Amino acid sequence: MSEKEIDDISGVETTGHEWDGIKELNNPLPRWWINTFYITILWAIGYMILYPAWPLVSDYTRGYLGYSSRAELSQSMSEAQVGQAVYLDQIRDASLDEILASNELRQFAMAGGRSAFLVNCSTCHGSGAQGAPGYPNLNDDDWIWGGTLDDIYLTIRHGVRFTDDWDTRDSAMPAFGRDGILGRGEIVEIAAFVRSMAGLDIDPALAARGAEGFADNCAACHGESGEGLRDLGAPALADAIWFYSSDADAIAAQISNPKHGVMPAWGARLDDGIIKQLTVYIHSLGGGE
């Protein structure tokens, strides 16, 4: 057996390992570190005895204390539901105006409505209700079907073009190009006229030719000045808010072969109290009427 090497400078035995002239000293671990390590082992053994720890084939060790995080969560949820029950019952029985008139009910509805919105509505409308192409922005004052409390409630409860509900919001824009109602040239002219109503850059001559086509084919739903008609779900065209796009080609495509979006009827999925809370929350976002 080779003799142990002693470092000349420190006088400590080395491990025999050396890197670039640097020798590794065989110093023992600090006593405080060793003691801490032993304590953690004892702590782990105690934890396994007292708390659930080991998975079994179809169960797990319960632990001497019988603690369960799921049971604790269930108890907390039950206590929260008991505390909320008073407000939830009042909201179910109250009208939307009565909810707004009560400071406590309004605050409760706002908090509950925001949670329900993030779970059920944010996928399409965005977490901040800012919308996206084809999904309305709920923060502005431009409402396709109306922005009163009753309008919003009806839209949420019965949806839009949701065929399983007879009370759903429903409208269908004709496919002017696909069905041969208008020619391609006429559609391009009407698209230019629509852009002109919103103050966008257009070819004046092209827009002028589209005015008559708009009056004959579009004004009945969208209004002579493009103000829209909420009873039919026809969007306003004379503002700077666009459901899909303000691009001339996109407008022409919508006239030619329109997209018809669908919103679920949440009345079949959510409790009426939750729908009322959603209504109050959405109404408060800034565009409610």
Protein backbone atom coordinates (compact mmCIF):
# COMPACT_ATOMS: atom_id res chain seq x y z
CA MET A 1 0.00 0.00 0.00
CA SER A 2 1.39 3.40 -0.97
CA GLU A 3 2.13 5.92 1.73
CA LYS A 4 -0.36 8.74 2.25
CA GLU A 5 0.70 12.04 0.74
CA ILE A 6 0.75 15.08 3.00
CA ASP A 7 0.32 18.55 1.54
CA ASP A 8 3.45 20.62 2.17
CA ILE A 9 1.64 23.89 2.78
CA SER A 10 -1.37 22.83 4.91
CA GLY A 11 0.04 19.65 6.35
CA VAL A 12 -3.24 17.89 5.53
CA GLU A 13 -3.48 14.50 3.91
CA THR A 14 -4.48 14.60 0.23
CA THR A 15 -6.87 12.33 -1.63
CA GLY A 16 -4.32 11.72 -4.34
CA HIS A 17 -6.33 13.74 -6.88
CA GLU A 18 -4.61 16.60 -8.64
CA TRP A 19 -5.78 19.01 -11.38
CA ASP A 20 -3.41 21.50 -12.96
CA GLY A 21 -1.13 21.36 -9.95
CA ILE A 22 -3.98 21.81 -7.48
CA LYS A 23 -4.23 18.97 -4.96
CA GLU A 24 -7.46 17.92 -3.26
CA LEU A 25 -7.19 17.88 0.51
CA ASN A 26 -8.89 15.11 2.46
CA ASN A 27 -10.56 17.41 5.00
CA PRO A 28 -13.48 15.94 6.93
CA LEU A 29 -16.95 17.45 6.57
CA PRO A 30 -17.83 20.12 9.17
CA ARG A 31 -19.46 18.68 12.28
CA TRP A 32 -22.45 21.06 11.99
CA TRP A 33 -23.10 19.79 8.46
CA ILE A 34 -22.96 16.15 9.58
CA ASN A 35 -25.32 16.85 12.47
CA THR A 36 -27.76 18.65 10.17
CA PHE A 37 -27.73 15.70 7.80
CA TYR A 38 -28.55 13.29 10.62
CA ILE A 39 -31.37 15.56 11.78
CA THR A 40 -32.93 15.60 8.30
CA ILE A 41 -32.88 11.79 8.26
CA LEU A 42 -34.66 11.68 11.62
CA TRP A 43 -37.11 14.34 10.41
CA ALA A 44 -37.91 12.29 7.29
CA ILE A 45 -38.53 9.14 9.34
CA GLY A 46 -40.81 11.06 11.69
CA TYR A 47 -42.68 12.60 8.77
CA MET A 48 -43.28 9.19 7.19
CA ILE A 49 -44.70 7.92 10.47
CA LEU A 50 -46.98 10.91 11.11
CA TYR A 51 -48.15 11.90 7.59
CA PRO A 52 -49.18 10.14 4.35
CA ALA A 53 -45.99 9.15 2.60
CA TRP A 54 -45.74 5.82 0.77
CA PRO A 55 -47.85 4.90 -2.26
CA LEU A 56 -49.30 1.39 -2.27
CA VAL A 57 -50.90 -0.66 -5.04
CA SER A 58 -54.38 0.86 -4.63
CA ASP A 59 -53.95 3.17 -1.64
CA TYR A 60 -51.25 4.90 0.42
CA THR A 61 -49.98 4.96 3.98
CA ARG A 62 -52.28 7.21 5.99
CA GLY A 63 -49.86 8.28 8.70
CA TYR A 64 -50.37 8.28 12.48
CA LEU A 65 -52.07 11.72 12.44
CA GLY A 66 -54.47 10.77 9.63
CA TYR A 67 -53.90 14.10 7.86
CA SER A 68 -55.26 14.60 4.33
CA SER A 69 -54.70 17.71 2.24
CA ARG A 70 -57.72 16.78 0.13
CA ALA A 71 -59.91 16.58 3.22
CA GLU A 72 -58.57 19.94 4.38
CA LEU A 73 -59.32 21.47 0.95
CA SER A 74 -62.80 19.94 0.94
CA GLN A 75 -63.49 21.41 4.36
CA SER A 76 -62.24 24.83 3.28
CA MET A 77 -64.38 24.69 0.15
CA SER A 78 -67.43 23.69 2.18
CA GLU A 79 -66.88 26.58 4.58
CA ALA A 80 -66.49 28.98 1.65
CA GLN A 81 -69.68 27.69 0.04
CA VAL A 82 -71.59 28.15 3.28
CA GLY A 83 -70.31 31.72 3.50
CA GLN A 84 -71.24 32.41 -0.13
CA ALA A 85 -74.64 30.71 0.00
CA VAL A 86 -76.35 33.78 1.47
CA TYR A 87 -75.18 36.01 -1.37
CA LEU A 88 -75.76 33.39 -4.06
CA ASP A 89 -79.36 32.87 -2.93
CA GLN A 90 -79.96 36.62 -2.93
CA ILE A 91 -78.47 36.98 -6.42
CA ARG A 92 -80.64 34.17 -7.80
CA ASP A 93 -83.76 35.84 -6.41
CA ALA A 94 -82.82 39.44 -7.26
CA SER A 95 -83.16 41.23 -10.56
CA LEU A 96 -80.09 42.59 -12.30
CA ASP A 97 -81.01 46.15 -11.34
CA GLU A 98 -81.44 45.11 -7.70
CA ILE A 99 -77.99 43.50 -7.74
CA LEU A 100 -76.45 46.75 -9.00
CA ALA A 101 -78.36 48.75 -6.40
CA SER A 102 -76.93 46.70 -3.52
CA ASN A 103 -73.30 47.46 -2.76
CA GLU A 104 -72.67 44.03 -1.20
CA LEU A 105 -74.37 42.06 -3.97
CA ARG A 106 -72.67 44.13 -6.67
CA GLN A 107 -69.20 43.55 -5.21
CA PHE A 108 -69.88 39.83 -4.76
CA ALA A 109 -71.23 39.57 -8.32
CA MET A 110 -68.23 41.43 -9.70
CA ALA A 111 -65.76 39.07 -8.00
CA GLY A 112 -67.72 35.94 -8.94
CA GLY A 113 -68.33 37.19 -12.47
CA ARG A 114 -64.64 37.83 -13.08
CA SER A 115 -63.76 34.31 -11.93
CA ALA A 116 -66.49 32.80 -14.12
CA PHE A 117 -65.32 34.93 -17.06
CA LEU A 118 -61.72 33.73 -16.78
CA VAL A 119 -62.86 30.10 -16.64
CA ASN A 120 -65.56 30.16 -19.33
CA CYS A 121 -65.15 33.22 -21.57
CA SER A 122 -61.51 34.28 -21.70
CA THR A 123 -60.59 31.57 -24.20
CA CYS A 124 -62.43 33.50 -26.92
CA HIS A 125 -62.72 37.04 -25.57
CA GLY A 126 -59.28 37.23 -23.93
CA SER A 127 -58.39 37.41 -20.24
CA GLY A 128 -58.89 41.18 -20.34
CA ALA A 129 -62.05 40.91 -22.50
CA GLN A 130 -60.16 42.69 -25.28
CA GLY A 131 -61.49 40.31 -27.91
CA ALA A 132 -59.82 39.15 -31.11
CA PRO A 133 -60.74 38.97 -34.81
CA GLY A 134 -64.17 37.33 -34.81
CA TYR A 135 -64.58 37.69 -31.04
CA PRO A 136 -66.05 41.01 -29.80
CA ASN A 137 -64.16 43.38 -27.55
CA LEU A 138 -66.27 43.74 -24.40
CA ASN A 139 -64.47 46.84 -23.11
CA ASP A 140 -65.82 49.31 -25.67
CA ASP A 141 -69.32 50.68 -26.22
CA ASP A 142 -69.89 48.97 -29.56
CA TRP A 143 -72.48 46.24 -28.99
CA ILE A 144 -73.74 43.95 -31.74
CA TRP A 145 -76.79 42.78 -29.77
CA GLY A 146 -77.04 45.59 -27.20
CA GLY A 147 -75.17 46.50 -24.03
CA THR A 148 -77.87 46.86 -21.39
CA LEU A 149 -77.97 44.45 -18.47
CA ASP A 150 -80.92 42.59 -19.99
CA ASP A 151 -79.27 42.47 -23.43
CA ILE A 152 -76.03 41.04 -22.05
CA TYR A 153 -77.89 38.54 -19.88
CA LEU A 154 -79.93 37.31 -22.85
CA THR A 155 -76.83 36.95 -25.02
CA ILE A 156 -74.93 34.98 -22.38
CA ARG A 157 -77.86 32.78 -21.45
CA HIS A 158 -79.04 31.87 -24.95
CA GLY A 159 -75.88 32.37 -27.02
CA VAL A 160 -75.51 33.46 -30.63
CA ARG A 161 -76.56 31.18 -33.50
CA PHE A 162 -76.61 28.27 -31.07
CA THR A 163 -79.00 25.95 -32.83
CA ASP A 164 -79.93 23.90 -29.76
CA ASP A 165 -81.66 26.88 -28.12
CA TRP A 166 -84.79 28.43 -29.62
CA ASP A 167 -84.17 31.72 -27.85
CA THR A 168 -80.65 32.11 -29.20
CA ARG A 169 -79.56 35.32 -30.88
CA ASP A 170 -79.76 34.59 -34.56
CA SER A 171 -79.01 36.43 -37.79
CA ALA A 172 -77.58 35.45 -41.13
CA MET A 173 -75.89 37.78 -43.57
CA PRO A 174 -76.50 36.69 -47.18
CA ALA A 175 -73.56 35.35 -49.15
CA PHE A 176 -73.80 37.97 -51.88
CA GLY A 177 -70.93 36.58 -53.92
CA ARG A 178 -71.20 32.87 -53.28
CA ASP A 179 -74.93 32.82 -54.06
CA GLY A 180 -74.58 35.01 -57.17
CA ILE A 181 -76.54 37.96 -55.78
CA LEU A 182 -73.77 40.42 -56.65
CA GLY A 183 -70.85 40.31 -59.03
CA ARG A 184 -67.23 40.66 -57.98
CA GLY A 185 -67.02 44.25 -59.22
CA GLU A 186 -70.12 45.28 -57.27
CA ILE A 187 -68.76 43.69 -54.10
CA VAL A 188 -65.45 45.56 -54.43
CA GLU A 189 -67.35 48.83 -54.90
CA ILE A 190 -69.53 48.23 -51.84
CA ALA A 191 -66.42 47.34 -49.79
CA ALA A 192 -64.88 50.67 -50.80
CA PHE A 193 -68.07 52.49 -49.78
CA VAL A 194 -68.10 50.74 -46.40
CA ARG A 195 -64.52 51.87 -45.80
CA SER A 196 -65.49 55.42 -46.76
CA MET A 197 -68.18 55.49 -44.04
CA ALA A 198 -65.48 54.74 -41.47
CA GLY A 199 -63.23 57.48 -42.82
CA LEU A 200 -60.63 55.12 -44.26
CA ASP A 201 -58.55 55.76 -47.37
CA ILE A 202 -60.44 54.72 -50.51
CA ASP A 203 -60.79 55.39 -54.22
CA PRO A 204 -63.54 58.06 -54.23
CA ALA A 205 -64.89 56.99 -57.61
CA LEU A 206 -65.02 53.35 -56.56
CA ALA A 207 -66.79 54.22 -53.31
CA ALA A 208 -69.29 56.45 -55.11
CA ARG A 209 -70.28 53.55 -57.35
CA GLY A 210 -70.70 51.34 -54.28
CA ALA A 211 -73.15 53.71 -52.55
CA GLU A 212 -76.12 52.51 -54.58
CA GLY A 213 -75.22 48.84 -54.08
CA PHE A 214 -74.96 49.40 -50.33
CA ALA A 215 -78.35 51.15 -50.22
CA ASP A 216 -80.01 48.35 -52.18
CA ASN A 217 -78.42 45.38 -50.42
CA CYS A 218 -76.97 46.38 -47.03
CA ALA A 219 -78.77 49.40 -45.60
CA ALA A 220 -81.83 47.41 -44.51
CA CYS A 221 -79.73 45.70 -41.83
CA HIS A 222 -76.73 47.96 -41.27
CA GLY A 223 -78.58 51.27 -41.60
CA GLU A 224 -78.39 53.91 -44.28
CA SER A 225 -75.42 55.53 -42.55
CA GLY A 226 -73.89 52.27 -41.36
CA GLU A 227 -75.08 52.74 -37.79
CA GLY A 228 -76.00 49.06 -37.42
CA LEU A 229 -79.17 47.40 -36.17
CA ARG A 230 -78.95 45.53 -32.89
CA ASP A 231 -82.29 43.77 -33.28
CA LEU A 232 -80.74 41.86 -36.17
CA GLY A 233 -77.20 41.67 -34.78
CA ALA A 234 -75.95 43.79 -37.69
CA PRO A 235 -72.71 45.56 -36.64
CA ALA A 236 -72.16 49.27 -37.06
CA LEU A 237 -69.93 50.00 -40.05
CA ALA A 238 -69.34 53.72 -39.65
CA ASP A 239 -66.99 53.58 -36.67
CA ALA A 240 -63.38 52.51 -36.18
CA ILE A 241 -64.28 49.18 -34.57
CA TRP A 242 -64.08 46.15 -36.84
CA PHE A 243 -65.27 42.66 -36.02
CA TYR A 244 -62.89 40.95 -38.45
CA SER A 245 -60.78 43.50 -40.32
CA SER A 246 -60.95 46.90 -41.99
CA ASP A 247 -58.87 45.65 -44.91
CA ALA A 248 -60.66 46.10 -48.25
CA ASP A 249 -60.10 42.49 -49.28
CA ALA A 250 -61.37 41.22 -45.91
CA ILE A 251 -64.53 43.35 -46.20
CA ALA A 252 -65.11 42.10 -49.74
CA ALA A 253 -64.62 38.51 -48.56
CA GLN A 254 -67.17 38.99 -45.80
CA ILE A 255 -69.69 40.41 -48.27
CA SER A 256 -69.05 37.61 -50.72
CA ASN A 257 -69.06 34.67 -48.31
CA PRO A 258 -69.71 35.87 -44.74
CA LYS A 259 -68.46 34.21 -41.58
CA HIS A 260 -71.18 33.44 -39.04
CA GLY A 261 -69.69 33.04 -35.59
CA VAL A 262 -71.30 30.94 -32.86
CA MET A 263 -71.40 31.58 -29.11
CA PRO A 264 -72.60 28.78 -26.77
CA ALA A 265 -75.84 29.14 -24.83
CA TRP A 266 -74.44 29.21 -21.31
CA GLY A 267 -77.85 28.77 -19.73
CA ALA A 268 -77.52 25.02 -20.22
CA ARG A 269 -74.07 24.96 -18.61
CA LEU A 270 -74.07 27.56 -15.84
CA ASP A 271 -76.33 28.30 -12.90
CA ASP A 272 -78.56 31.35 -13.36
CA GLY A 273 -76.79 33.06 -10.46
CA ILE A 274 -73.44 32.66 -12.23
CA ILE A 275 -74.91 34.09 -15.44
CA LYS A 276 -76.15 37.12 -13.50
CA GLN A 277 -72.70 37.59 -12.00
CA LEU A 278 -71.15 37.37 -15.47
CA THR A 279 -73.67 39.92 -16.71
CA VAL A 280 -72.81 42.40 -13.96
CA TYR A 281 -69.08 41.91 -14.50
CA ILE A 282 -69.20 42.34 -18.29
CA HIS A 283 -71.53 45.33 -17.95
CA SER A 284 -68.95 46.98 -15.67
CA LEU A 285 -66.03 46.66 -18.08
CA GLY A 286 -66.64 50.08 -19.56
CA GLY A 287 -69.08 49.62 -22.38
CA GLY A 288 -72.23 48.61 -20.53
CA GLU A 289 -75.25 50.80 -21.23
